Protein backbone atom coordinates (compact mmCIF):
# COMPACT_ATOMS: atom_id res chain seq x y z
CA MET A 1 -17.23 53.83 -63.81
CA PRO A 2 -19.51 50.69 -64.29
CA PHE A 3 -20.66 48.89 -61.10
CA VAL A 4 -18.83 45.88 -61.73
CA ALA A 5 -15.73 47.99 -61.60
CA TRP A 6 -16.31 49.60 -58.19
CA VAL A 7 -17.02 46.21 -56.80
CA THR A 8 -13.84 44.93 -57.98
CA VAL A 9 -11.78 47.94 -56.42
CA ILE A 10 -13.70 47.55 -53.04
CA ILE A 11 -12.90 43.78 -53.04
CA GLY A 12 -9.39 44.34 -53.67
CA ALA A 13 -9.27 47.03 -51.19
CA LEU A 14 -10.69 44.63 -48.49
CA ILE A 15 -8.01 42.11 -49.59
CA ILE A 16 -5.26 44.60 -49.25
CA VAL A 17 -6.60 45.77 -45.77
CA ALA A 18 -6.86 42.00 -44.32
CA ALA A 19 -3.34 41.31 -45.62
CA ALA A 20 -2.00 44.64 -43.97
CA VAL A 21 -3.82 43.64 -40.83
CA GLY A 22 -2.44 40.08 -40.91
CA LEU A 23 1.28 41.45 -41.50
CA PHE A 24 0.81 44.18 -38.45
CA ARG A 25 -0.29 41.09 -36.29
CA VAL A 26 2.68 39.15 -37.33
CA VAL A 27 5.01 42.26 -36.52
CA LEU A 28 3.47 42.34 -33.25
CA HIS A 29 4.12 38.83 -32.45
CA LEU A 30 7.76 38.95 -33.73
CA ARG A 31 8.31 41.87 -31.08
CA VAL A 32 6.95 39.49 -28.29
CA VAL A 33 9.25 36.61 -29.44
CA ASP A 34 12.09 39.18 -29.85
CA ARG A 35 11.52 40.35 -26.13
CA THR A 36 11.33 36.76 -25.05
CA LEU A 37 14.43 35.66 -26.53
CA GLU A 38 16.25 38.84 -25.33
CA GLN A 39 15.37 37.43 -21.64
CA VAL A 40 16.29 33.86 -22.48
CA VAL A 41 19.80 34.99 -23.69
CA GLY A 42 20.21 37.06 -20.58
CA GLY A 43 19.46 34.13 -18.35
CA VAL A 44 21.69 32.14 -20.37
CA GLN A 45 24.50 34.61 -19.80
CA VAL A 46 23.79 34.73 -16.04
CA ILE A 47 23.92 30.83 -15.71
CA ALA A 48 27.32 30.84 -17.76
CA GLU A 49 28.69 33.41 -15.49
CA ARG A 50 27.68 31.62 -12.24
CA THR A 51 28.76 28.62 -13.50
CA SER A 52 32.21 29.80 -14.82
CA THR A 53 35.21 27.37 -14.58
CA VAL A 54 37.10 26.88 -11.43
CA PRO A 55 40.63 27.76 -12.89
CA THR A 56 39.96 31.42 -12.99
CA VAL A 57 39.40 31.14 -8.99
CA VAL A 58 42.35 29.08 -8.34
CA PRO A 59 45.15 31.38 -8.34
CA SER A 60 43.51 33.94 -5.77
CA VAL A 61 42.53 30.80 -3.64
CA ASN A 62 46.23 29.49 -3.69
CA ALA A 63 47.64 32.96 -3.08
CA SER A 64 45.26 33.08 -0.04
CA LEU A 65 46.32 29.68 1.20
CA LYS A 66 49.86 30.34 0.77
CA PRO A 67 50.54 31.05 4.53
CA VAL A 68 48.82 28.01 5.51
CA ARG A 69 50.73 25.92 3.49
CA ASP A 70 54.11 27.40 4.75
CA PHE A 71 52.89 26.62 8.21
CA THR A 72 51.94 22.88 7.54
CA GLU A 73 55.27 22.59 5.71
CA ALA A 74 57.07 24.01 8.72
CA ILE A 75 55.90 21.28 11.09
């Protein structure tokens, strides 16, 4: 093979290696972003659970206060 062909092959290989390294770095960054987003979603779910609406608790509170209501109605 002539010298020019070897130079072309080497330059092509360097370009491919540089592109592969760049893509590998992108994959690593995307994995970090994925972990961060999982943590954010988990935090949002915790906030949603802690700020749930009152109607889910009201029946049990009313049941607990029934003796008090009965007593006040008797007075």
